[in-house]
Protein backbone atom coordinates (compact mmCIF):
# COMPACT_ATOMS: atom_id res chain seq x y z
CA MET A 1 1.02 34.47 -13.00
CA PRO A 2 3.11 34.74 -9.76
CA PHE A 3 0.46 37.12 -8.39
CA LEU A 4 -2.30 34.59 -9.10
CA LEU A 5 -0.38 31.80 -7.38
CA THR A 6 0.30 34.01 -4.36
CA ALA A 7 -3.34 35.02 -4.15
CA THR A 8 -4.45 31.40 -4.40
CA PHE A 9 -2.25 30.08 -1.56
CA ARG A 10 -2.08 33.24 0.56
CA PRO A 11 -4.61 31.96 3.16
CA HIS A 12 -2.57 28.81 3.63
CA ILE A 13 1.02 30.14 3.55
CA SER A 14 1.41 30.10 7.33
CA ALA A 15 0.09 26.55 7.57
CA MET A 16 2.44 25.44 4.79
CA LEU A 17 5.43 27.06 6.52
CA ALA A 18 4.57 25.24 9.76
CA LEU A 19 4.31 21.97 7.88
CA VAL A 20 7.69 22.54 6.17
CA THR A 21 9.20 23.18 9.61
CA VAL A 22 7.92 19.84 10.91
CA LEU A 23 9.20 18.07 7.79
CA GLY A 24 12.57 19.73 8.19
CA ALA A 25 12.84 18.37 11.72
CA SER A 26 12.13 14.87 10.47
CA LEU A 27 14.77 15.21 7.74
CA VAL A 28 17.39 16.44 10.19
CA SER A 29 16.68 13.49 12.50
CA ALA A 30 17.47 11.13 9.61
CA HIS A 31 21.18 11.93 9.89
CA GLY A 32 21.28 10.06 13.17
CA ASP A 33 21.20 6.75 11.30
CA GLU A 34 24.68 7.28 9.83
CA ASP A 35 26.35 6.05 13.00
CA MET A 36 24.35 2.85 12.85
CA ALA A 37 25.44 2.33 9.25
CA HIS A 38 29.08 2.49 10.30
CA MET A 39 28.40 -0.09 13.00
CA GLY A 40 27.06 -2.42 10.33
CA SER A 41 30.14 -1.90 8.14
CA THR A 42 32.49 -3.50 10.67
CA GLY A 43 31.60 -6.96 9.42
CA THR A 44 29.40 -7.97 12.37
CA LEU A 45 25.92 -8.96 11.27
CA PRO A 46 23.24 -7.25 13.37
CA GLU A 47 21.25 -9.58 15.59
CA GLU A 48 17.91 -8.59 14.01
CA ALA A 49 19.21 -9.44 10.54
CA LYS A 50 19.44 -13.12 11.48
CA PHE A 51 15.64 -13.41 11.41
CA PHE A 52 15.42 -12.36 7.75
CA HIS A 53 16.92 -14.97 5.47
CA TRP A 54 16.01 -16.99 2.43
CA PRO A 55 14.44 -20.32 3.47
CA GLU A 56 16.92 -23.17 3.46
CA GLU A 57 14.33 -25.71 2.28
CA PRO A 58 13.71 -25.68 -1.51
CA MET A 59 10.34 -24.53 -2.77
CA GLY A 60 8.07 -27.55 -3.34
CA TRP A 61 6.32 -28.29 -6.62
CA ALA A 62 2.87 -27.58 -5.15
CA LEU A 63 3.98 -24.15 -4.00
CA ARG A 64 5.46 -23.37 -7.42
CA VAL A 65 2.22 -24.36 -9.15
CA HIS A 66 0.25 -22.37 -6.55
CA ILE A 67 2.25 -19.20 -7.29
CA ALA A 68 2.07 -19.65 -11.08
CA LEU A 69 -1.68 -20.27 -11.18
CA CYS A 70 -2.49 -17.45 -8.78
CA LEU A 71 -0.39 -15.03 -10.83
CA ILE A 72 -2.19 -16.05 -14.02
CA GLY A 73 -5.65 -16.03 -12.47
CA PHE A 74 -5.63 -13.20 -9.93
CA VAL A 75 -2.91 -10.89 -11.29
CA ALA A 76 -3.48 -11.27 -15.06
CA LEU A 77 -6.95 -12.53 -16.06
CA LEU A 78 -9.20 -11.09 -13.35
CA PRO A 79 -7.88 -7.49 -13.70
CA ILE A 80 -8.28 -7.81 -17.48
CA ALA A 81 -11.84 -9.02 -16.92
CA LEU A 82 -12.50 -6.00 -14.70
CA VAL A 83 -11.35 -3.63 -17.45
CA MET A 84 -13.47 -5.52 -19.99
CA GLU A 85 -16.46 -5.17 -17.66
CA MET A 86 -15.94 -1.41 -17.52
CA ALA A 87 -15.85 -1.38 -21.34
CA ARG A 88 -18.83 -3.81 -21.53
CA HIS A 89 -16.87 -6.18 -23.73
CA ARG A 90 -18.81 -9.24 -24.87
CA TYR A 91 -16.00 -11.64 -23.90
CA HIS A 92 -15.88 -10.40 -20.31
CA PRO A 93 -17.85 -13.37 -18.85
CA LEU A 94 -15.47 -15.86 -20.49
CA VAL A 95 -12.31 -14.09 -19.29
CA GLN A 96 -13.66 -13.70 -15.76
CA LEU A 97 -14.70 -17.35 -15.59
CA SER A 98 -11.28 -18.47 -16.89
CA GLY A 99 -9.51 -16.33 -14.29
CA ALA A 100 -11.75 -17.65 -11.53
CA VAL A 101 -11.13 -21.30 -12.45
CA ILE A 102 -7.37 -20.82 -12.69
CA GLY A 103 -7.30 -18.81 -9.47
CA PHE A 104 -9.32 -21.43 -7.62
CA SER A 105 -6.95 -24.13 -8.90
CA GLY A 106 -4.06 -22.09 -7.48
CA ILE A 107 -5.78 -21.94 -4.09
CA VAL A 108 -6.25 -25.72 -4.17
CA PHE A 109 -2.54 -26.26 -4.81
CA GLY A 110 -1.85 -23.96 -1.88
CA TRP A 111 -3.89 -26.32 0.29
CA ILE A 112 -1.93 -29.27 -1.10
CA ASN A 113 1.31 -27.56 -0.11
CA GLY A 114 0.18 -27.55 3.52
CA HIS A 115 1.08 -25.04 6.27
CA LEU A 116 -2.51 -23.84 6.63
CA ASP A 117 -2.22 -22.48 10.17
CA ASN A 118 -1.07 -18.94 9.31
CA THR A 119 -2.47 -15.57 8.30
CA TYR A 120 -1.77 -16.09 4.61
CA ALA A 121 -3.80 -19.32 4.50
CA ARG A 122 -6.68 -17.81 6.46
CA PHE A 123 -6.69 -14.80 4.14
CA GLY A 124 -7.03 -17.26 1.26
CA TRP A 125 -10.47 -18.29 2.52
CA PHE A 126 -11.56 -14.65 2.39
CA MET A 127 -10.23 -14.37 -1.17
CA LEU A 128 -12.12 -17.53 -2.09
CA CYS A 129 -15.39 -16.07 -0.79
CA LEU A 130 -14.91 -12.93 -2.90
CA LEU A 131 -14.04 -15.05 -5.94
CA ILE A 132 -17.17 -17.18 -5.52
CA ALA A 133 -19.37 -14.08 -5.14
CA GLN A 134 -17.90 -12.47 -8.26
CA THR A 135 -18.19 -15.64 -10.33
CA ALA A 136 -21.77 -16.29 -9.21
CA ALA A 137 -22.78 -12.75 -10.18
CA ASN A 138 -20.98 -13.10 -13.52
CA LEU A 139 -22.79 -16.35 -14.34
CA ALA A 140 -26.12 -14.83 -13.27
CA PHE A 141 -25.60 -11.86 -15.60
CA ALA A 142 -24.36 -14.04 -18.47
CA THR A 143 -27.28 -16.47 -18.30
CA ARG A 144 -29.83 -13.65 -17.83
CA VAL A 145 -30.95 -15.11 -14.52
CA LEU A 146 -30.23 -11.73 -12.96
CA LYS A 147 -30.74 -8.55 -14.95
CA ARG A 148 -28.29 -5.71 -14.66
CA SER A 149 -29.59 -2.72 -12.72
CA SER A 150 -28.32 0.45 -11.11
CA VAL A 151 -27.97 -1.49 -7.84
CA ASN A 152 -26.37 -4.87 -8.59
CA GLU A 153 -24.04 -3.69 -11.36
CA PRO A 154 -22.08 -1.23 -9.13
CA VAL A 155 -21.90 -3.91 -6.44
CA TYR A 156 -20.42 -6.34 -8.97
CA ARG A 157 -17.78 -3.81 -9.98
CA VAL A 158 -16.95 -3.00 -6.36
CA ILE A 159 -16.35 -6.72 -5.73
CA GLY A 160 -13.97 -6.77 -8.71
CA LEU A 161 -12.07 -3.73 -7.45
CA ALA A 162 -11.92 -5.16 -3.92
CA LEU A 163 -10.60 -8.44 -5.28
CA LEU A 164 -7.87 -6.52 -7.09
CA VAL A 165 -6.78 -4.72 -3.91
CA PHE A 166 -6.94 -7.86 -1.78
CA THR A 167 -4.88 -9.72 -4.39
CA TYR A 168 -2.06 -7.27 -3.74
CA MET A 169 -2.48 -7.79 0.01
CA ALA A 170 -2.36 -11.58 -0.49
CA MET A 171 0.89 -11.28 -2.44
CA VAL A 172 2.44 -9.25 0.39
CA LEU A 173 1.25 -11.77 2.99
CA GLY A 174 2.66 -14.61 0.89
CA VAL A 175 6.12 -13.05 0.81
CA ILE A 176 5.95 -12.36 4.55
CA ARG A 177 4.96 -15.97 5.25
CA TYR A 178 7.61 -17.50 2.99
CA LEU A 179 10.48 -15.37 4.29
CA ASN A 180 9.27 -15.48 7.92
CA LEU A 181 9.16 -11.68 8.18
CA CYS A 182 7.38 -9.55 10.79
CA SER A 183 8.39 -11.85 13.64
CA GLN A 184 10.55 -11.30 16.73
CA GLY A 185 8.65 -8.15 17.74
CA HIS A 186 8.65 -6.45 14.32
CA LEU A 187 4.87 -6.61 13.75
CA GLY A 188 4.26 -2.91 14.28
CA GLN A 189 7.09 -1.81 11.98
CA CYS A 190 5.90 -4.24 9.29
CA ILE A 191 2.37 -2.82 9.43
CA SER A 192 3.65 0.74 9.19
CA HIS A 193 6.18 0.12 6.41
CA PHE A 194 3.86 -1.95 4.25
CA ALA A 195 0.98 0.51 4.75
CA ARG A 196 3.11 3.51 3.78
CA GLY A 197 4.82 1.76 0.87
CA SER A 198 1.53 0.41 -0.46
CA ALA A 199 -0.08 3.84 -0.15
CA LEU A 200 2.75 5.41 -2.16
CA ILE A 201 2.69 2.80 -4.92
CA MET A 202 -1.03 2.23 -5.29
CA GLY A 203 -1.93 5.86 -4.66
CA SER A 204 0.41 7.03 -7.42
CA VAL A 205 -0.91 4.45 -9.89
CA VAL A 206 -4.56 5.16 -9.13
CA PHE A 207 -4.00 8.93 -9.24
CA LEU A 208 -2.27 8.66 -12.62
CA VAL A 209 -5.01 6.44 -14.08
CA PHE A 210 -7.77 8.71 -12.86
CA MET A 211 -6.10 11.84 -14.22
CA ARG A 212 -5.44 10.29 -17.63
CA VAL A 213 -8.52 8.14 -18.16
CA PHE A 214 -11.27 9.56 -15.96
CA GLY A 215 -10.54 13.29 -16.35
CA PRO A 216 -14.14 14.35 -17.11
CA ILE A 217 -15.46 12.19 -14.27
CA MET A 218 -13.18 13.94 -11.79
CA LEU A 219 -15.21 17.14 -12.30
CA GLU A 220 -18.33 15.35 -11.06
CA ILE A 221 -16.98 14.19 -7.69
CA ARG A 222 -17.19 17.76 -6.33
CA ARG A 223 -13.77 17.64 -4.70
CA PRO A 224 -10.17 17.85 -5.99
CA PRO A 225 -8.19 14.61 -6.34
CA GLU A 226 -5.81 15.91 -3.66
CA PHE A 227 -8.63 15.61 -1.14
CA TYR A 228 -8.69 11.83 -1.46
CA VAL A 229 -4.89 11.61 -1.59
CA SER A 230 -4.66 13.69 1.60
CA LEU A 231 -7.30 11.51 3.24
CA ILE A 232 -5.24 8.39 2.49
CA MET A 233 -2.07 10.11 3.74
CA MET A 234 -3.78 11.11 6.98
CA THR A 235 -4.93 7.52 7.57
CA VAL A 236 -1.52 6.02 6.79
CA GLY A 237 0.19 8.65 8.96
CA LEU A 238 -2.07 7.76 11.88
CA ILE A 239 -1.16 4.08 11.45
CA GLY A 240 2.56 4.89 11.22
CA THR A 241 2.49 7.08 14.32
CA PHE A 242 1.25 4.29 16.58
CA THR A 243 2.99 1.25 15.04
CA GLU A 244 6.64 2.16 14.47
CA HIS A 245 7.57 1.81 18.14
CA ASN A 246 6.05 -1.67 18.44
CA PHE A 247 3.10 -0.65 20.55
CA PHE A 248 1.83 -4.22 20.18
CA GLN A 249 4.56 -5.58 22.44
CA SER A 250 4.30 -6.07 26.15
CA VAL A 251 5.83 -3.59 28.58
CA ASP A 252 8.29 -6.20 29.84
CA ASN A 253 9.90 -6.55 26.41
CA ALA A 254 13.45 -5.25 26.26
CA GLN A 255 12.80 -3.51 22.94
CA GLU A 256 10.33 -1.08 24.52
CA SER A 257 13.04 1.59 24.87
CA TRP A 258 12.89 4.31 22.23
CA SER A 259 15.64 4.31 19.60
CA HIS A 260 16.62 7.00 17.11
CA LYS A 261 14.90 5.00 14.36
CA ASP A 262 11.68 4.89 16.35
CA LEU A 263 11.82 8.66 16.76
CA GLN A 264 12.43 9.29 13.07
CA HIS A 265 9.74 6.85 11.90
CA THR A 266 7.22 8.27 14.35
CA MET A 267 8.08 11.81 13.22
CA ILE A 268 7.43 10.82 9.58
CA GLY A 269 4.08 9.34 10.64
CA ILE A 270 3.16 12.58 12.41
CA SER A 271 4.21 14.56 9.31
CA TRP A 272 1.97 12.40 7.11
CA PHE A 273 -0.96 12.77 9.49
CA ALA A 274 -0.51 16.54 9.87
CA GLY A 275 0.05 17.06 6.14
CA GLY A 276 -2.90 14.86 5.21
CA LEU A 277 -5.14 16.69 7.68
CA LEU A 278 -4.03 20.05 6.29
CA GLY A 279 -4.70 18.86 2.73
CA VAL A 280 -8.16 17.61 3.68
CA LEU A 281 -9.05 20.91 5.33
CA MET A 282 -7.76 22.92 2.36
CA THR A 283 -9.69 20.92 -0.27
CA ALA A 284 -12.84 19.76 1.57
CA ARG A 285 -14.95 22.60 0.16
CA SER A 286 -12.89 23.45 -2.91
CA HIS A 287 -13.76 23.22 -6.59
CA PRO A 288 -12.50 20.06 -8.38
CA ARG A 289 -10.07 22.22 -10.38
CA PHE A 290 -8.44 23.56 -7.20
CA ARG A 291 -4.93 22.27 -6.55
CA THR A 292 -2.82 22.16 -3.40
CA PRO A 293 0.90 21.29 -3.16
CA ILE A 294 0.63 19.67 0.27
CA PRO A 295 0.67 15.99 -0.88
CA SER A 296 3.59 16.72 -3.20
CA ILE A 297 5.56 18.38 -0.40
CA ILE A 298 4.97 15.36 1.84
CA PHE A 299 6.03 12.91 -0.88
CA ILE A 300 9.19 14.88 -1.71
CA ALA A 301 10.19 15.21 1.94
CA THR A 302 9.55 11.50 2.54
CA GLY A 303 11.65 10.61 -0.49
CA ILE A 304 14.57 12.76 0.73
CA SER A 305 14.38 11.27 4.21
CA MET A 306 14.45 7.74 2.74
CA ILE A 307 17.47 8.57 0.57
CA ILE A 308 19.51 9.66 3.60
CA HIS A 309 18.02 6.97 5.88
CA GLN A 310 21.02 4.65 6.40
CA GLN A 311 20.41 1.12 7.65
CA ASP A 312 22.44 -1.58 9.37
CA LEU A 313 22.55 -3.64 6.18
CA ILE A 314 23.83 -2.32 2.85
CA MET A 315 20.96 -3.96 0.96
CA SER A 316 18.40 -2.23 3.20
CA SER A 317 20.14 1.12 2.64
CA HIS A 318 20.03 0.60 -1.13
CA VAL A 319 16.33 -0.33 -1.03
CA HIS A 320 15.53 2.83 0.93
CA PHE A 321 17.66 4.91 -1.44
CA PHE A 322 16.02 3.67 -4.63
CA PHE A 323 12.53 3.84 -3.16
CA GLY A 324 13.13 7.40 -2.00
CA ALA A 325 14.66 8.45 -5.32
CA ALA A 326 11.66 7.01 -7.18
CA GLN A 327 9.37 9.41 -5.35
């Protein structure tokens, strides 16, 4: 068995050693944050922490109803309807229509709450267009106005999957809008952190579901699952490389100077891009049963770096610790 493993990965051992070296450099650079943690323990609140606080104004009734209805419609009923569509359940049209009506009611209460001049509100119009398209197709199928075919049925399912992904994005945007995050020059870091965190969470869930539920189908896609995971990692790493240092700011901004956190975050982005690229090259022409440890090595190294990644605030350090330990 050891001989078989060595023979399998022998052509890629040198590339893996080079990748481990890069990851080791990123882990060593994480120790530089310990001094910043001690600065935060003196009792002085960092200046940047003043921008992240719970809103002083209480949440209005319209906003509460908006959140409740959107959770019921978009988070509960519409995903259930998507699963029922995959199983061709006869009650799928009723569940989808119920989720659409409740979700639309939640959007209306969001309009009643006001504050429509922001990214979250504008994203709501895009969600509404997807919801209308899905509901119209559902009613057309249910009333036999439009017959199911090999063309329109996959499109209908893709709309349902897209609505599920964009629902998660809308929830993230809602939290950002309510807590006034990603302001004061932190746009780039927000994009990078949310992209990497979302890739870890959603990628793990999707990978687990596909391996447990769609095992036979995975043999028909002609590539190993690690190919698609590596492709996502390469994309997220490219985003993280060019967003952690706030490349969206002007040159005159005082925060343009590189800090030790910028160096570490950028190094992690480069590691993700390099590891994802290596995984793509290793599995692009491989059999679906072929396995590569590259994504696992990247995830483990990222988790370790997050565990030892001390922050200015104790709560932020604990969040990084638990998130890294969960990997």
